Amino acid sequence: MSMISPKMIYGTAWKGARTTNLVVSAFLQGFRAVDTACQPKHYRESLVGDALEILRAKHNIKREEIFVQTKYTPIGGQDVTQPLPYNPGDPVPKQILSSFQTSLVNLRVSYLDSYLLHSPLRTLKQTLEAWRTLIALQDEGKVRQIGLSNVYDVDLLKTLAAERPVQVVQNRWYEGNLWDREVCKYCRENGIQYQSFWTLSGSPRLLAHPNILSLSHALDCTPPQVLFKLAQLHDITPLTGTTDELHMQQDLAAEHLVFKDEVENEVTNVVQYVWG
């Protein structure tokens, strides 16, 4: 299995019929990580699979070079008017195994680099059942990393860690939840990959922060690039779902920005603003 640890992930929510072309475009710009979900309400997982096949067949980008992440979405996050990847009347473990197999078929892969619960389930008991099912998939070698999305309770992460430590958290990271400081801190202290979404769209005031603008000018880059780089420096892996090829290139280039001594004060002020 691949052991890729991406610095940035291409997100495919709400892309609809454009999903295949956008994923191919993102990878041709340099992305090597993609996020999706077995949730027809917001994702077209099978079109991500079509893109991966095109990348293999036409562009010689091998499976082991790609970080593929998808999710099991509980029934509360599904649109029941669309075909479901499992029988909602089944026990949670059976639902997950059915959704997992559907994902492998959709994505045309034999294993996943990362598999997430799209959210905690309705009860702690169900969430634990789901977590144990992901552990079993990992033990069978079908998944490299396991984790959760939309989890803002450190106590829940600690509870799950009694079964097996969470390896990935994917959360909204934006000014509306004060950049999820407690979960971020817990992840950083426990070696958990923290993936952020709403990184740009959820924090317009942060992007307009005078020190972000000053850094952007000093480094001859865009404010989003500065924000992505600061996130990466704090062990955050941003998702970006841009549909613009130039922005794809810029987002990836953020990793290579260098904050020199002369911009130290600007960096410090932004860090204090976001991380406290």
Protein backbone atom coordinates (compact mmCIF):
# COMPACT_ATOMS: atom_id res chain seq x y z
CA MET A 1 0.00 0.00 0.00
CA SER A 2 1.09 3.58 -0.62
CA MET A 3 2.41 5.57 2.33
CA ILE A 4 1.59 9.03 1.01
CA SER A 5 1.16 11.84 3.53
CA PRO A 6 -0.33 14.67 1.48
CA LYS A 7 0.19 18.34 2.28
CA MET A 8 -3.00 19.25 0.41
CA ILE A 9 -6.02 17.25 -0.78
CA TYR A 10 -8.34 17.92 -3.69
CA GLY A 11 -11.93 17.92 -2.46
CA THR A 12 -14.76 16.77 -4.72
CA ALA A 13 -17.94 17.79 -2.90
CA TRP A 14 -20.61 19.51 -5.00
CA LYS A 15 -18.79 19.01 -8.29
CA GLY A 16 -21.61 17.03 -9.90
CA ALA A 17 -21.11 16.04 -13.53
CA ARG A 18 -17.87 18.04 -13.65
CA THR A 19 -16.18 15.73 -11.13
CA THR A 20 -14.18 13.60 -13.56
CA ASN A 21 -12.75 16.48 -15.57
CA LEU A 22 -11.91 18.50 -12.46
CA VAL A 23 -10.12 15.62 -10.72
CA VAL A 24 -8.10 14.88 -13.86
CA SER A 25 -7.25 18.57 -14.16
CA ALA A 26 -6.24 18.79 -10.50
CA PHE A 27 -3.90 15.82 -10.83
CA LEU A 28 -2.36 17.17 -14.02
CA GLN A 29 -1.60 20.36 -12.08
CA GLY A 30 0.21 18.25 -9.47
CA PHE A 31 -2.30 17.01 -6.89
CA ARG A 32 -1.79 13.45 -5.68
CA ALA A 33 -4.56 13.23 -3.08
CA VAL A 34 -8.33 13.19 -3.52
CA ASP A 35 -11.25 13.22 -1.07
CA THR A 36 -14.76 11.98 -1.75
CA ALA A 37 -17.62 10.15 -0.01
CA CYS A 38 -20.14 7.42 -0.74
CA GLN A 39 -22.88 10.04 -0.47
CA PRO A 40 -24.73 10.77 -3.74
CA LYS A 41 -26.32 13.80 -2.07
CA HIS A 42 -23.08 15.78 -2.31
CA TYR A 43 -20.50 13.61 -4.13
CA ARG A 44 -20.15 11.64 -7.36
CA GLU A 45 -17.78 8.98 -6.11
CA SER A 46 -17.98 6.88 -9.29
CA LEU A 47 -16.88 9.90 -11.34
CA VAL A 48 -13.79 10.18 -9.12
CA GLY A 49 -13.17 6.55 -10.05
CA ASP A 50 -13.51 7.43 -13.73
CA ALA A 51 -10.90 10.15 -13.24
CA LEU A 52 -8.49 7.77 -11.50
CA GLU A 53 -8.85 5.34 -14.41
CA ILE A 54 -8.09 8.09 -16.93
CA LEU A 55 -5.04 9.15 -14.92
CA ARG A 56 -3.76 5.56 -14.89
CA ALA A 57 -4.52 4.77 -18.52
CA LYS A 58 -3.65 8.05 -20.24
CA HIS A 59 -1.23 9.79 -17.91
CA ASN A 60 0.63 6.88 -16.30
CA ILE A 61 -0.16 8.05 -12.75
CA LYS A 62 -0.04 4.81 -10.79
CA ARG A 63 -2.35 3.83 -7.95
CA GLU A 64 0.50 3.75 -5.44
CA GLU A 65 1.24 7.41 -6.22
CA ILE A 66 -2.27 8.50 -5.24
CA PHE A 67 -3.84 9.11 -1.83
CA VAL A 68 -7.50 8.09 -2.07
CA GLN A 69 -9.88 8.95 0.77
CA THR A 70 -13.61 8.35 1.03
CA LYS A 71 -16.26 8.09 3.73
CA TYR A 72 -19.15 6.07 5.10
CA THR A 73 -22.06 8.49 5.48
CA PRO A 74 -24.68 7.59 8.11
CA ILE A 75 -28.32 7.65 7.05
CA GLY A 76 -28.86 11.11 8.54
CA GLY A 77 -26.47 12.53 5.95
CA GLN A 78 -27.96 10.68 2.98
CA ASP A 79 -30.71 11.72 0.58
CA VAL A 80 -33.09 8.78 0.85
CA THR A 81 -34.66 9.65 -2.53
CA GLN A 82 -31.38 8.63 -4.19
CA PRO A 83 -29.91 5.11 -4.38
CA LEU A 84 -28.23 4.29 -1.07
CA PRO A 85 -24.96 2.35 -0.77
CA TYR A 86 -26.43 0.16 1.97
CA ASN A 87 -29.70 -1.05 3.46
CA PRO A 88 -30.53 1.44 6.24
CA GLY A 89 -32.36 -1.34 8.07
CA ASP A 90 -29.13 -3.31 8.48
CA PRO A 91 -26.96 -3.09 11.60
CA VAL A 92 -24.32 -0.36 11.40
CA PRO A 93 -21.36 -2.74 10.80
CA LYS A 94 -23.15 -4.29 7.82
CA GLN A 95 -24.01 -0.86 6.46
CA ILE A 96 -20.37 0.17 6.59
CA LEU A 97 -19.12 -2.99 4.89
CA SER A 98 -21.68 -2.52 2.12
CA SER A 99 -20.76 1.14 1.68
CA PHE A 100 -17.07 0.23 1.70
CA GLN A 101 -17.50 -2.34 -1.07
CA THR A 102 -19.52 0.15 -3.09
CA SER A 103 -16.68 2.65 -2.70
CA LEU A 104 -14.06 0.17 -3.91
CA VAL A 105 -16.17 -0.52 -7.00
CA ASN A 106 -16.91 3.17 -7.62
CA LEU A 107 -13.27 4.18 -7.23
CA ARG A 108 -11.88 1.14 -9.09
CA VAL A 109 -9.35 0.44 -6.34
CA SER A 110 -8.55 -2.57 -4.16
CA TYR A 111 -7.75 -0.60 -1.00
CA LEU A 112 -8.15 2.88 0.45
CA ASP A 113 -5.46 5.11 1.85
CA SER A 114 -7.95 6.67 4.25
CA TYR A 115 -11.51 5.76 5.27
CA LEU A 116 -13.58 8.04 7.47
CA LEU A 117 -16.88 8.06 9.27
CA HIS A 118 -18.53 11.10 7.70
CA SER A 119 -19.78 12.05 11.15
CA PRO A 120 -20.32 10.47 14.55
CA LEU A 121 -23.45 8.36 14.59
CA ARG A 122 -26.65 9.03 16.53
CA THR A 123 -25.50 7.30 19.70
CA LEU A 124 -22.13 6.58 21.27
CA LYS A 125 -22.89 2.86 21.04
CA GLN A 126 -23.41 3.11 17.28
CA THR A 127 -20.29 5.24 16.86
CA LEU A 128 -18.24 2.64 18.72
CA GLU A 129 -19.73 -0.14 16.56
CA ALA A 130 -18.80 1.84 13.47
CA TRP A 131 -15.29 2.53 14.75
CA ARG A 132 -14.68 -1.15 15.49
CA THR A 133 -15.76 -1.95 11.93
CA LEU A 134 -13.18 0.49 10.56
CA ILE A 135 -10.56 -1.07 12.83
CA ALA A 136 -11.38 -4.49 11.36
CA LEU A 137 -11.03 -3.15 7.82
CA GLN A 138 -7.64 -1.73 8.75
CA ASP A 139 -6.55 -5.00 10.35
CA GLU A 140 -7.50 -6.80 7.14
CA GLY A 141 -5.20 -4.51 5.16
CA LYS A 142 -8.03 -2.91 3.20
CA VAL A 143 -7.50 0.58 4.65
CA ARG A 144 -4.28 2.35 5.62
CA GLN A 145 -5.70 5.09 7.85
CA ILE A 146 -9.03 5.45 9.63
CA GLY A 147 -10.73 8.45 11.15
CA LEU A 148 -13.76 10.71 11.40
CA SER A 149 -15.12 13.88 9.88
CA ASN A 150 -17.28 16.49 11.56
CA VAL A 151 -16.15 15.57 15.07
CA TYR A 152 -15.77 18.54 17.41
CA ASP A 153 -15.68 16.70 20.74
CA VAL A 154 -12.24 15.84 22.12
CA ASP A 155 -13.82 13.48 24.66
CA LEU A 156 -15.24 11.39 21.82
CA LEU A 157 -11.80 11.14 20.22
CA LYS A 158 -10.41 10.00 23.56
CA THR A 159 -13.17 7.40 23.93
CA LEU A 160 -12.47 5.97 20.48
CA ALA A 161 -8.75 5.93 21.24
CA ALA A 162 -9.42 3.30 23.91
CA GLU A 163 -10.29 0.98 20.99
CA ARG A 164 -7.69 2.39 18.59
CA PRO A 165 -6.30 5.91 18.25
CA VAL A 166 -7.97 8.02 15.59
CA GLN A 167 -5.53 8.68 12.76
CA VAL A 168 -7.42 11.30 10.72
CA VAL A 169 -9.84 14.08 11.63
CA GLN A 170 -11.48 16.15 8.90
CA ASN A 171 -13.34 19.20 10.22
CA ARG A 172 -14.60 22.63 9.36
CA TRP A 173 -11.70 24.97 10.14
CA TYR A 174 -13.01 28.50 10.05
CA GLU A 175 -13.70 31.59 12.10
CA GLY A 176 -17.24 30.39 12.92
CA ASN A 177 -15.86 27.72 15.29
CA LEU A 178 -12.72 29.67 16.29
CA TRP A 179 -10.70 27.42 14.00
CA ASP A 180 -11.58 24.32 16.02
CA ARG A 181 -8.78 25.06 18.47
CA GLU A 182 -9.34 22.26 21.00
CA VAL A 183 -9.60 19.47 18.43
CA CYS A 184 -6.65 20.90 16.48
CA LYS A 185 -4.57 20.96 19.64
CA TYR A 186 -5.53 17.39 20.54
CA CYS A 187 -4.67 16.19 17.04
CA ARG A 188 -1.32 17.96 17.05
CA GLU A 189 -0.42 16.51 20.46
CA ASN A 190 -1.43 12.98 19.47
CA GLY A 191 -0.04 12.71 15.95
CA ILE A 192 -3.46 12.78 14.26
CA GLN A 193 -3.66 14.16 10.73
CA TYR A 194 -6.01 17.15 10.92
CA GLN A 195 -7.65 17.92 7.57
CA SER A 196 -9.40 21.26 7.17
CA PHE A 197 -12.32 22.22 4.98
CA TRP A 198 -13.91 25.65 4.63
CA THR A 199 -10.30 26.80 5.02
CA LEU A 200 -10.79 29.78 2.72
CA SER A 201 -14.51 30.24 2.23
CA GLY A 202 -15.25 30.09 5.94
CA SER A 203 -12.82 32.81 7.01
CA PRO A 204 -13.13 35.90 4.80
CA ARG A 205 -12.04 38.21 7.63
CA LEU A 206 -8.91 36.14 8.18
CA LEU A 207 -8.03 36.36 4.49
CA ALA A 208 -8.42 40.12 4.75
CA HIS A 209 -6.36 40.36 7.96
CA PRO A 210 -3.75 43.14 7.55
CA ASN A 211 -0.89 40.79 8.40
CA ILE A 212 -2.06 38.21 5.87
CA LEU A 213 -2.14 40.98 3.24
CA SER A 214 1.29 42.19 4.34
CA LEU A 215 2.73 38.69 4.07
CA SER A 216 1.12 38.25 0.67
CA HIS A 217 2.79 41.44 -0.55
CA ALA A 218 6.17 40.60 0.98
CA LEU A 219 6.22 37.10 -0.47
CA ASP A 220 4.66 38.04 -3.83
CA CYS A 221 1.90 35.50 -3.44
CA THR A 222 -1.84 35.43 -2.82
CA PRO A 223 -3.56 35.68 0.60
CA PRO A 224 -4.96 32.14 0.20
CA GLN A 225 -1.43 30.85 -0.31
CA VAL A 226 -0.30 32.51 2.91
CA LEU A 227 -3.21 30.98 4.81
CA PHE A 228 -2.61 27.51 3.38
CA LYS A 229 1.08 27.70 4.30
CA LEU A 230 0.33 28.82 7.86
CA ALA A 231 -2.11 25.94 8.22
CA GLN A 232 0.46 23.46 6.97
CA LEU A 233 3.06 24.82 9.37
CA HIS A 234 0.61 24.01 12.18
CA ASP A 235 0.16 20.39 11.06
CA ILE A 236 -3.09 21.03 9.19
CA THR A 237 -3.71 19.43 5.80
CA PRO A 238 -6.06 21.70 3.87
CA LEU A 239 -8.64 20.53 1.39
CA THR A 240 -9.21 22.71 -1.64
CA GLY A 241 -12.02 22.26 -4.12
CA THR A 242 -11.13 25.02 -6.55
CA THR A 243 -12.33 24.59 -10.11
CA ASP A 244 -9.75 27.04 -11.49
CA GLU A 245 -6.50 25.57 -12.84
CA LEU A 246 -4.45 28.62 -11.87
CA HIS A 247 -5.76 28.40 -8.32
CA MET A 248 -4.93 24.69 -8.29
CA GLN A 249 -1.34 25.55 -9.15
CA GLN A 250 -1.21 28.35 -6.59
CA ASP A 251 -2.70 26.21 -3.83
CA LEU A 252 -0.08 23.51 -4.34
CA ALA A 253 2.71 26.08 -4.55
CA ALA A 254 1.83 27.36 -1.06
CA GLU A 255 3.76 24.45 0.46
CA HIS A 256 7.00 25.88 -0.88
CA LEU A 257 6.62 29.38 0.55
CA VAL A 258 9.39 30.37 2.96
CA PHE A 259 8.69 32.77 5.80
CA LYS A 260 11.94 34.65 6.37
CA ASP A 261 13.04 36.56 9.47
CA GLU A 262 11.84 39.89 8.14
CA VAL A 263 8.20 38.74 8.15
CA GLU A 264 8.35 37.12 11.59
CA ASN A 265 6.14 39.74 13.25
CA GLU A 266 3.38 39.36 10.67
CA VAL A 267 3.46 35.57 11.05
CA THR A 268 3.39 35.83 14.85
CA ASN A 269 0.38 38.17 14.82
CA VAL A 270 -1.64 35.89 12.53
CA VAL A 271 -0.74 32.82 14.58
CA GLN A 272 -1.87 34.54 17.77
CA TYR A 273 -5.09 35.64 16.06
CA VAL A 274 -5.95 32.13 14.92
CA TRP A 275 -4.43 29.78 17.47
CA GLY A 276 -4.60 32.03 20.52
